[in-house]
Amino acid sequence: MNKILNILSLVGSFMAVFGVLFLIQDLTLGSINRFSRIIILEILPLKYLVFTTTSLLFILKFIEFYTPNRN
């Protein structure tokens, strides 16, 4: 049960940080009209690919998640 709680804690923390970083980028850079109009394969806006990639790279490079040792 402790492993499941640790995994849920890590996934929740990762998703929360990812969401905040993505939202900050979308509210700042995503409001640029020229940048938000570029669409790849007629389905996916370029800004979603860029924001996802930069958020993941930032998390993997600069953020270290701590898992508590639950007994």
N, C-alpha and C. Protein backbone atom coordinates (compact mmCIF):
# COMPACT_ATOMS: atom_id res chain seq x y z
N MET A 1 0.82 -1.19 0.00
CA MET A 1 0.00 0.00 0.00
C MET A 1 0.87 1.27 0.00
N ASN A 2 2.01 1.21 0.68
CA ASN A 2 2.89 2.38 0.74
C ASN A 2 3.46 2.73 -0.63
N LYS A 3 3.78 1.70 -1.43
CA LYS A 3 4.29 1.98 -2.78
C LYS A 3 3.25 2.68 -3.63
N ILE A 4 2.01 2.26 -3.51
CA ILE A 4 0.93 2.89 -4.28
C ILE A 4 0.77 4.35 -3.88
N LEU A 5 0.84 4.63 -2.58
CA LEU A 5 0.72 6.01 -2.12
C LEU A 5 1.90 6.85 -2.59
N ASN A 6 3.09 6.28 -2.59
CA ASN A 6 4.25 7.02 -3.09
C ASN A 6 4.13 7.32 -4.57
N ILE A 7 3.66 6.35 -5.34
CA ILE A 7 3.47 6.56 -6.78
C ILE A 7 2.41 7.62 -7.03
N LEU A 8 1.30 7.55 -6.30
CA LEU A 8 0.25 8.55 -6.45
C LEU A 8 0.75 9.94 -6.07
N SER A 9 1.58 10.02 -5.04
CA SER A 9 2.14 11.30 -4.63
C SER A 9 3.04 11.87 -5.71
N LEU A 10 3.89 11.03 -6.30
CA LEU A 10 4.78 11.49 -7.37
C LEU A 10 4.01 11.94 -8.60
N VAL A 11 3.04 11.14 -9.01
CA VAL A 11 2.25 11.48 -10.20
C VAL A 11 1.45 12.75 -9.97
N GLY A 12 0.87 12.90 -8.81
CA GLY A 12 0.11 14.11 -8.50
C GLY A 12 0.98 15.35 -8.49
N SER A 13 2.15 15.24 -7.88
CA SER A 13 3.07 16.37 -7.85
C SER A 13 3.55 16.73 -9.24
N PHE A 14 3.89 15.73 -10.03
CA PHE A 14 4.35 15.95 -11.40
C PHE A 14 3.27 16.65 -12.22
N MET A 15 2.04 16.17 -12.12
CA MET A 15 0.95 16.75 -12.90
C MET A 15 0.63 18.17 -12.45
N ALA A 16 0.72 18.43 -11.16
CA ALA A 16 0.46 19.78 -10.67
C ALA A 16 1.51 20.77 -11.18
N VAL A 17 2.78 20.39 -11.11
CA VAL A 17 3.85 21.27 -11.59
C VAL A 17 3.74 21.45 -13.10
N PHE A 18 3.47 20.35 -13.81
CA PHE A 18 3.32 20.44 -15.26
C PHE A 18 2.16 21.37 -15.63
N GLY A 19 1.05 21.25 -14.94
CA GLY A 19 -0.11 22.10 -15.22
C GLY A 19 0.17 23.57 -14.99
N VAL A 20 0.87 23.87 -13.91
CA VAL A 20 1.20 25.27 -13.61
C VAL A 20 2.14 25.83 -14.66
N LEU A 21 3.18 25.08 -15.01
CA LEU A 21 4.12 25.56 -16.03
C LEU A 21 3.43 25.75 -17.38
N PHE A 22 2.60 24.79 -17.77
CA PHE A 22 1.89 24.88 -19.04
C PHE A 22 0.96 26.09 -19.04
N LEU A 23 0.25 26.31 -17.95
CA LEU A 23 -0.68 27.43 -17.86
C LEU A 23 0.05 28.77 -17.92
N ILE A 24 1.18 28.87 -17.25
CA ILE A 24 1.95 30.12 -17.29
C ILE A 24 2.41 30.41 -18.72
N GLN A 25 2.89 29.40 -19.41
CA GLN A 25 3.33 29.60 -20.79
C GLN A 25 2.16 29.95 -21.70
N ASP A 26 1.03 29.31 -21.47
CA ASP A 26 -0.14 29.57 -22.33
C ASP A 26 -0.67 30.99 -22.11
N LEU A 27 -0.63 31.46 -20.87
CA LEU A 27 -1.14 32.81 -20.61
C LEU A 27 -0.17 33.90 -21.06
N THR A 28 1.11 33.59 -21.13
CA THR A 28 2.08 34.61 -21.55
C THR A 28 2.39 34.49 -23.04
N LEU A 29 3.04 33.42 -23.44
CA LEU A 29 3.42 33.25 -24.84
C LEU A 29 2.25 32.85 -25.74
N GLY A 30 1.29 32.16 -25.17
CA GLY A 30 0.15 31.70 -25.96
C GLY A 30 -0.77 32.81 -26.41
N SER A 31 -0.64 33.97 -25.79
CA SER A 31 -1.50 35.08 -26.19
C SER A 31 -0.98 35.83 -27.41
N ILE A 32 0.20 35.47 -27.88
CA ILE A 32 0.75 36.08 -29.09
C ILE A 32 -0.01 35.52 -30.29
N ASN A 33 -0.67 36.36 -31.04
CA ASN A 33 -1.55 35.90 -32.13
C ASN A 33 -0.80 35.11 -33.19
N ARG A 34 0.33 35.58 -33.60
CA ARG A 34 1.07 34.90 -34.66
C ARG A 34 1.52 33.51 -34.23
N PHE A 35 1.91 33.37 -32.98
CA PHE A 35 2.37 32.08 -32.46
C PHE A 35 1.22 31.10 -32.28
N SER A 36 0.07 31.58 -31.88
CA SER A 36 -1.05 30.68 -31.60
C SER A 36 -1.78 30.23 -32.87
N ARG A 37 -1.51 30.87 -34.00
CA ARG A 37 -2.19 30.49 -35.25
C ARG A 37 -1.50 29.39 -36.03
N ILE A 38 -0.28 29.04 -35.68
CA ILE A 38 0.47 28.00 -36.41
C ILE A 38 -0.08 26.64 -36.03
N ILE A 39 -0.53 25.89 -37.03
CA ILE A 39 -1.14 24.58 -36.80
C ILE A 39 -0.37 23.52 -37.58
N ILE A 40 -0.11 22.38 -36.92
CA ILE A 40 0.63 21.28 -37.53
C ILE A 40 -0.37 20.17 -37.87
N LEU A 41 -0.27 19.65 -39.07
CA LEU A 41 -1.12 18.54 -39.54
C LEU A 41 -2.61 18.84 -39.45
N GLU A 42 -2.98 20.11 -39.52
CA GLU A 42 -4.37 20.57 -39.50
C GLU A 42 -5.13 20.14 -38.25
N ILE A 43 -4.44 19.70 -37.22
CA ILE A 43 -5.11 19.23 -36.00
C ILE A 43 -4.56 19.92 -34.75
N LEU A 44 -3.24 19.95 -34.64
CA LEU A 44 -2.58 20.32 -33.41
C LEU A 44 -1.87 21.66 -33.52
N PRO A 45 -2.24 22.63 -32.69
CA PRO A 45 -1.50 23.89 -32.69
C PRO A 45 -0.07 23.69 -32.22
N LEU A 46 0.86 24.40 -32.81
CA LEU A 46 2.27 24.29 -32.48
C LEU A 46 2.54 24.66 -31.02
N LYS A 47 1.75 25.58 -30.50
CA LYS A 47 2.01 26.03 -29.13
C LYS A 47 1.86 24.88 -28.12
N TYR A 48 0.98 23.93 -28.36
CA TYR A 48 0.82 22.81 -27.44
C TYR A 48 2.04 21.90 -27.45
N LEU A 49 2.63 21.69 -28.59
CA LEU A 49 3.84 20.88 -28.67
C LEU A 49 5.01 21.59 -27.98
N VAL A 50 5.14 22.87 -28.22
CA VAL A 50 6.24 23.63 -27.64
C VAL A 50 6.08 23.73 -26.12
N PHE A 51 4.89 24.05 -25.64
CA PHE A 51 4.66 24.19 -24.21
C PHE A 51 4.83 22.87 -23.47
N THR A 52 4.37 21.78 -24.07
CA THR A 52 4.54 20.47 -23.45
C THR A 52 6.02 20.10 -23.36
N THR A 53 6.74 20.31 -24.43
CA THR A 53 8.17 19.97 -24.46
C THR A 53 8.95 20.80 -23.46
N THR A 54 8.72 22.10 -23.43
CA THR A 54 9.48 22.94 -22.51
C THR A 54 9.11 22.67 -21.05
N SER A 55 7.86 22.37 -20.78
CA SER A 55 7.46 22.04 -19.41
C SER A 55 8.11 20.75 -18.95
N LEU A 56 8.10 19.73 -19.80
CA LEU A 56 8.73 18.46 -19.44
C LEU A 56 10.23 18.62 -19.24
N LEU A 57 10.89 19.35 -20.13
CA LEU A 57 12.33 19.56 -19.99
C LEU A 57 12.66 20.33 -18.71
N PHE A 58 11.88 21.33 -18.39
CA PHE A 58 12.11 22.10 -17.17
C PHE A 58 11.94 21.22 -15.93
N ILE A 59 10.89 20.41 -15.92
CA ILE A 59 10.65 19.53 -14.77
C ILE A 59 11.77 18.51 -14.62
N LEU A 60 12.17 17.89 -15.70
CA LEU A 60 13.20 16.86 -15.63
C LEU A 60 14.57 17.44 -15.26
N LYS A 61 14.84 18.67 -15.67
CA LYS A 61 16.16 19.25 -15.42
C LYS A 61 16.27 19.92 -14.05
N PHE A 62 15.23 20.63 -13.60
CA PHE A 62 15.37 21.48 -12.43
C PHE A 62 14.57 21.07 -11.20
N ILE A 63 13.63 20.17 -11.32
CA ILE A 63 12.76 19.85 -10.19
C ILE A 63 13.03 18.42 -9.74
N GLU A 64 13.22 18.27 -8.44
CA GLU A 64 13.42 16.96 -7.86
C GLU A 64 12.27 16.69 -6.90
N PHE A 65 11.57 15.61 -7.11
CA PHE A 65 10.43 15.27 -6.28
C PHE A 65 10.88 14.38 -5.12
N TYR A 66 10.31 14.61 -3.98
CA TYR A 66 10.64 13.86 -2.78
C TYR A 66 9.49 12.93 -2.45
N THR A 67 9.81 11.67 -2.19
CA THR A 67 8.78 10.73 -1.76
C THR A 67 8.97 10.44 -0.29
N PRO A 68 7.96 10.69 0.50
CA PRO A 68 8.09 10.43 1.94
C PRO A 68 8.17 8.92 2.20
N ASN A 69 8.87 8.56 3.23
CA ASN A 69 9.00 7.15 3.59
C ASN A 69 7.86 6.82 4.56
N ARG A 70 6.78 6.30 4.02
CA ARG A 70 5.60 5.99 4.83
C ARG A 70 5.77 4.63 5.50
N ASN A 71 5.51 4.57 6.77
CA ASN A 71 5.58 3.30 7.51
C ASN A 71 4.21 2.83 7.92
